[in-house]
Amino acid sequence: MSEVVEVKVLSSIGREDCRREKLLIDGKQVMDVRPLSECPEDAILERDLKGPSDFAEMLETFLREHKGKKVRFIYEEDKDE
């Protein structure tokens, strides 16, 4: 098991010409963000938008699972989009 945790943000521009991003931790997608331009009425916190409690829970889980490991942050353009 590696002592370095890889946190990667993949960015792309979607068909609506707006930015999309994915968050991967050790290659596993844990979050994706995309515009809600098709249904702006669906932009409700905790349903379609991540809220502070989601981030706090994700951070708490991350720290518990990867305790004591170094973290490498990578930012790339997503070539698959």
C-alpha atoms as a PDB file:
ATOM      1  CA  MET A   1       0.000   0.000   0.000  1.00  0.00           C
ATOM      2  CA  SER A   2       1.337   3.402  -1.006  1.00  0.00           C
ATOM      3  CA  GLU A   3       2.234   5.998   1.620  1.00  0.00           C
ATOM      4  CA  VAL A   4       1.171   8.785  -0.760  1.00  0.00           C
ATOM      5  CA  VAL A   5      -2.482   9.530  -1.442  1.00  0.00           C
ATOM      6  CA  GLU A   6      -3.178  10.918  -4.921  1.00  0.00           C
ATOM      7  CA  VAL A   7      -5.907  13.580  -5.060  1.00  0.00           C
ATOM      8  CA  LYS A   8      -6.654  14.483  -8.683  1.00  0.00           C
ATOM      9  CA  VAL A   9      -8.969  17.132 -10.149  1.00  0.00           C
ATOM     10  CA  LEU A  10      -9.905  16.565 -13.792  1.00  0.00           C
ATOM     11  CA  SER A  11     -11.360  19.581 -15.602  1.00  0.00           C
ATOM     12  CA  SER A  12     -13.121  19.798 -18.941  1.00  0.00           C
ATOM     13  CA  ILE A  13     -15.484  21.999 -20.916  1.00  0.00           C
ATOM     14  CA  GLY A  14     -18.888  20.399 -21.533  1.00  0.00           C
ATOM     15  CA  ARG A  15     -21.246  20.694 -24.486  1.00  0.00           C
ATOM     16  CA  GLU A  16     -22.862  23.769 -22.869  1.00  0.00           C
ATOM     17  CA  ASP A  17     -19.426  25.457 -22.987  1.00  0.00           C
ATOM     18  CA  CYS A  18     -19.165  25.435 -19.179  1.00  0.00           C
ATOM     19  CA  ARG A  19     -16.531  23.873 -16.950  1.00  0.00           C
ATOM     20  CA  ARG A  20     -17.018  20.401 -15.450  1.00  0.00           C
ATOM     21  CA  GLU A  21     -14.754  18.814 -12.839  1.00  0.00           C
ATOM     22  CA  LYS A  22     -14.217  15.399 -11.284  1.00  0.00           C
ATOM     23  CA  LEU A  23     -12.442  14.648  -8.008  1.00  0.00           C
ATOM     24  CA  LEU A  24     -10.583  11.344  -7.775  1.00  0.00           C
ATOM     25  CA  ILE A  25      -8.828   9.958  -4.709  1.00  0.00           C
ATOM     26  CA  ASP A  26      -6.384   7.170  -5.516  1.00  0.00           C
ATOM     27  CA  GLY A  27      -8.100   6.714  -8.879  1.00  0.00           C
ATOM     28  CA  LYS A  28     -11.614   6.404  -7.446  1.00  0.00           C
ATOM     29  CA  GLN A  29     -14.118   9.120  -8.441  1.00  0.00           C
ATOM     30  CA  VAL A  30     -15.654  10.593  -5.291  1.00  0.00           C
ATOM     31  CA  MET A  31     -17.296  13.736  -6.680  1.00  0.00           C
ATOM     32  CA  ASP A  32     -18.218  15.433  -9.916  1.00  0.00           C
ATOM     33  CA  VAL A  33     -19.430  18.958 -10.533  1.00  0.00           C
ATOM     34  CA  ARG A  34     -21.225  20.186 -13.604  1.00  0.00           C
ATOM     35  CA  PRO A  35     -23.408  23.155 -14.522  1.00  0.00           C
ATOM     36  CA  LEU A  36     -27.098  23.055 -13.754  1.00  0.00           C
ATOM     37  CA  SER A  37     -27.929  25.217 -16.769  1.00  0.00           C
ATOM     38  CA  GLU A  38     -30.490  22.735 -18.119  1.00  0.00           C
ATOM     39  CA  CYS A  39     -32.600  22.804 -14.928  1.00  0.00           C
ATOM     40  CA  PRO A  40     -31.583  25.769 -12.756  1.00  0.00           C
ATOM     41  CA  GLU A  41     -34.629  25.154 -10.551  1.00  0.00           C
ATOM     42  CA  ASP A  42     -32.948  21.897  -9.468  1.00  0.00           C
ATOM     43  CA  ALA A  43     -30.018  23.771  -7.936  1.00  0.00           C
ATOM     44  CA  ILE A  44     -31.004  22.866  -4.396  1.00  0.00           C
ATOM     45  CA  LEU A  45     -28.346  22.572  -1.704  1.00  0.00           C
ATOM     46  CA  GLU A  46     -27.735  18.969  -0.575  1.00  0.00           C
ATOM     47  CA  ARG A  47     -29.636  17.554  -3.552  1.00  0.00           C
ATOM     48  CA  ASP A  48     -27.820  18.708  -6.686  1.00  0.00           C
ATOM     49  CA  LEU A  49     -25.284  20.993  -5.018  1.00  0.00           C
ATOM     50  CA  LYS A  50     -22.755  19.845  -2.475  1.00  0.00           C
ATOM     51  CA  GLY A  51     -23.110  21.631   0.836  1.00  0.00           C
ATOM     52  CA  PRO A  52     -20.748  22.260   3.733  1.00  0.00           C
ATOM     53  CA  SER A  53     -21.843  19.090   5.532  1.00  0.00           C
ATOM     54  CA  ASP A  54     -20.932  17.032   2.445  1.00  0.00           C
ATOM     55  CA  PHE A  55     -17.447  18.561   2.373  1.00  0.00           C
ATOM     56  CA  ALA A  56     -16.973  18.121   6.128  1.00  0.00           C
ATOM     57  CA  GLU A  57     -18.011  14.462   5.931  1.00  0.00           C
ATOM     58  CA  MET A  58     -15.766  13.839   2.932  1.00  0.00           C
ATOM     59  CA  LEU A  59     -12.786  15.495   4.670  1.00  0.00           C
ATOM     60  CA  GLU A  60     -13.397  13.557   7.888  1.00  0.00           C
ATOM     61  CA  THR A  61     -13.573  10.273   5.967  1.00  0.00           C
ATOM     62  CA  PHE A  62     -10.470  11.179   3.942  1.00  0.00           C
ATOM     63  CA  LEU A  63      -8.423  11.960   7.057  1.00  0.00           C
ATOM     64  CA  ARG A  64      -9.572   8.790   8.825  1.00  0.00           C
ATOM     65  CA  GLU A  65      -8.829   6.507   5.857  1.00  0.00           C
ATOM     66  CA  HIS A  66      -5.468   8.057   4.949  1.00  0.00           C
ATOM     67  CA  LYS A  67      -4.124   8.897   8.400  1.00  0.00           C
ATOM     68  CA  GLY A  68      -0.429   9.773   8.374  1.00  0.00           C
ATOM     69  CA  LYS A  69       0.034   9.554   4.603  1.00  0.00           C
ATOM     70  CA  LYS A  70       1.410  12.278   2.404  1.00  0.00           C
ATOM     71  CA  VAL A  71      -0.944  13.784  -0.162  1.00  0.00           C
ATOM     72  CA  ARG A  72      -0.093  14.658  -3.766  1.00  0.00           C
ATOM     73  CA  PHE A  73      -2.495  17.051  -5.532  1.00  0.00           C
ATOM     74  CA  ILE A  74      -2.768  16.848  -9.323  1.00  0.00           C
ATOM     75  CA  TYR A  75      -4.778  19.170 -11.585  1.00  0.00           C
ATOM     76  CA  GLU A  76      -5.305  18.055 -15.202  1.00  0.00           C
ATOM     77  CA  GLU A  77      -7.558  18.617 -18.156  1.00  0.00           C
ATOM     78  CA  ASP A  78      -9.886  15.624 -18.644  1.00  0.00           C
ATOM     79  CA  LYS A  79      -9.109  14.182 -22.065  1.00  0.00           C
ATOM     80  CA  ASP A  80     -12.068  11.770 -21.959  1.00  0.00           C
ATOM     81  CA  GLU A  81     -14.708  14.533 -22.008  1.00  0.00           C
END
